[in-house]
Protein backbone atom coordinates (compact mmCIF):
# COMPACT_ATOMS: atom_id res chain seq x y z
CA MET A 1 127.31 -112.02 171.37
CA ALA A 2 128.84 -108.79 172.47
CA ALA A 3 129.52 -108.18 176.13
CA ARG A 4 127.53 -105.50 177.87
CA ARG A 5 129.35 -102.53 179.30
CA ASN A 6 128.62 -101.33 182.78
CA PRO A 7 128.86 -97.52 182.91
CA ALA A 8 128.95 -97.50 186.72
CA GLN A 9 132.18 -99.52 186.76
CA GLU A 10 133.80 -97.33 184.10
CA ALA A 11 132.99 -94.12 185.98
CA SER A 12 134.56 -95.41 189.19
CA SER A 13 137.64 -96.71 187.41
CA PRO A 14 140.84 -95.05 188.76
CA ALA A 15 142.42 -94.96 185.27
CA GLN A 16 140.00 -92.29 184.05
CA PRO A 17 139.46 -89.07 185.98
CA ALA A 18 135.94 -87.96 186.73
CA PRO A 19 134.31 -85.53 184.28
CA ALA A 20 134.30 -82.78 186.93
CA GLN A 21 138.10 -82.98 187.09
CA GLN A 22 138.43 -82.66 183.31
CA GLN A 23 136.36 -79.48 182.94
CA PRO A 24 138.85 -76.96 184.40
CA GLN A 25 141.58 -78.28 182.11
CA PHE A 26 139.40 -77.72 179.06
CA ARG A 27 138.46 -74.26 180.28
CA GLN A 28 142.12 -73.34 180.61
CA ALA A 29 142.82 -74.57 177.10
CA ARG A 30 139.94 -72.48 175.76
CA GLU A 31 141.08 -69.39 177.63
CA VAL A 32 144.62 -69.67 176.28
CA ILE A 33 143.56 -69.41 172.64
CA GLN A 34 141.11 -66.62 172.03
CA LEU A 35 140.33 -64.67 168.93
CA GLN A 36 141.39 -61.47 170.65
CA ASP A 37 144.92 -62.81 171.06
CA LEU A 38 145.30 -63.73 167.41
CA PRO A 39 146.62 -61.10 165.01
CA GLY A 40 143.89 -59.63 162.85
CA TYR A 41 143.72 -57.71 159.64
CA PRO A 42 142.13 -54.29 159.31
CA GLN A 43 138.87 -54.24 157.43
CA GLN A 44 140.30 -51.82 154.85
CA VAL A 45 142.95 -54.36 153.87
CA LEU A 46 140.41 -57.15 153.47
CA THR A 47 138.09 -54.89 151.46
CA LYS A 48 140.89 -53.98 149.06
CA LEU A 49 141.92 -57.61 148.74
CA ILE A 50 138.38 -58.74 147.92
CA ALA A 51 137.90 -55.87 145.46
CA TYR A 52 141.10 -56.72 143.62
CA ALA A 53 140.29 -60.44 143.66
CA VAL A 54 136.98 -59.69 141.95
CA ALA A 55 138.67 -57.27 139.56
CA VAL A 56 141.34 -59.77 138.53
CA VAL A 57 138.58 -62.17 137.49
CA VAL A 58 135.95 -59.84 136.05
CA LEU A 59 138.03 -57.26 134.18
CA PRO A 60 140.09 -59.63 131.97
CA ILE A 61 137.00 -61.63 131.00
CA SER A 62 135.11 -58.44 130.24
CA ALA A 63 138.06 -57.09 128.25
CA TYR A 64 138.25 -60.31 126.26
CA PHE A 65 134.61 -60.37 125.25
CA TYR A 66 134.46 -56.63 124.59
CA SER A 67 137.57 -56.69 122.41
CA VAL A 68 136.67 -59.88 120.54
CA ASN A 69 133.28 -58.44 119.59
CA ASN A 70 134.01 -54.73 119.15
CA LEU A 71 137.73 -54.08 118.62
CA PHE A 72 139.23 -57.03 116.79
CA ASP A 73 136.23 -58.40 114.84
CA GLY A 74 136.42 -61.97 116.11
CA ASP A 75 140.22 -62.35 116.30
CA THR A 76 140.62 -64.27 119.55
CA THR A 77 144.42 -64.02 119.60
CA TYR A 78 144.43 -60.27 120.05
CA ALA A 79 141.45 -60.45 122.40
CA GLY A 80 143.33 -62.96 124.58
CA ALA A 81 146.34 -60.66 124.60
CA MET A 82 144.08 -57.80 125.68
CA ALA A 83 142.73 -59.94 128.54
CA ALA A 84 146.27 -60.84 129.64
CA ILE A 85 147.32 -57.19 129.58
CA THR A 86 144.25 -56.25 131.62
CA ALA A 87 145.00 -58.94 134.22
CA ASN A 88 148.60 -57.72 134.48
CA LEU A 89 147.44 -54.11 134.89
CA VAL A 90 145.15 -55.09 137.75
CA LEU A 91 147.95 -57.06 139.40
CA PHE A 92 150.42 -54.21 138.94
CA SER A 93 147.99 -51.68 140.40
CA TYR A 94 147.47 -53.92 143.45
CA ILE A 95 151.23 -54.16 144.01
CA VAL A 96 151.63 -50.39 143.73
CA LEU A 97 148.75 -49.87 146.18
CA ALA A 98 150.30 -52.31 148.66
CA LEU A 99 153.70 -50.62 148.44
CA ARG A 100 152.18 -47.17 148.98
CA GLU A 101 150.23 -48.46 151.96
CA ASP A 102 153.36 -50.02 153.44
CA LYS A 103 155.30 -46.78 152.92
CA GLY A 104 152.58 -44.86 154.76
CA ASP A 105 152.73 -47.28 157.66
CA ARG A 106 156.51 -46.86 157.89
CA GLN A 107 156.20 -43.08 157.95
CA LYS A 108 153.60 -43.23 160.74
CA LEU A 109 155.89 -45.52 162.73
CA GLN A 110 158.86 -43.19 162.27
CA GLN A 111 156.80 -40.19 163.36
CA ALA A 112 155.65 -42.05 166.47
CA GLU A 113 159.26 -42.96 167.33
CA GLU A 114 160.37 -39.34 166.87
CA GLU A 115 157.61 -38.14 169.20
CA LYS A 116 158.70 -40.66 171.83
CA LYS A 117 162.30 -39.44 171.59
CA LYS A 118 161.18 -35.82 172.07
CA LYS A 119 159.36 -36.70 175.28
């Protein structure tokens, strides 16, 4: 048979601190890590990322089925090539967009630094 545990003896045991003593420690740990302290991403960036993620899936598949039925009369080799080209175009356009966005951020930072130097 298993031995019965006595919760009263465990609570008064000096090895374990009382639950009231543990609460402030947990509160401090929660206060240290907050969502406000973590770096976030602007909603515009996430919207663009989601839009391009959908585009990189939908556009090549659409291009494949459109070209296999209408352009190449059932030749799947050329239709597959068209889908690959479409996927690469979407990827390339995303890279160009990201580089332009980064360039704009750099220009804004330089303008802010110049204004600080003038003051």
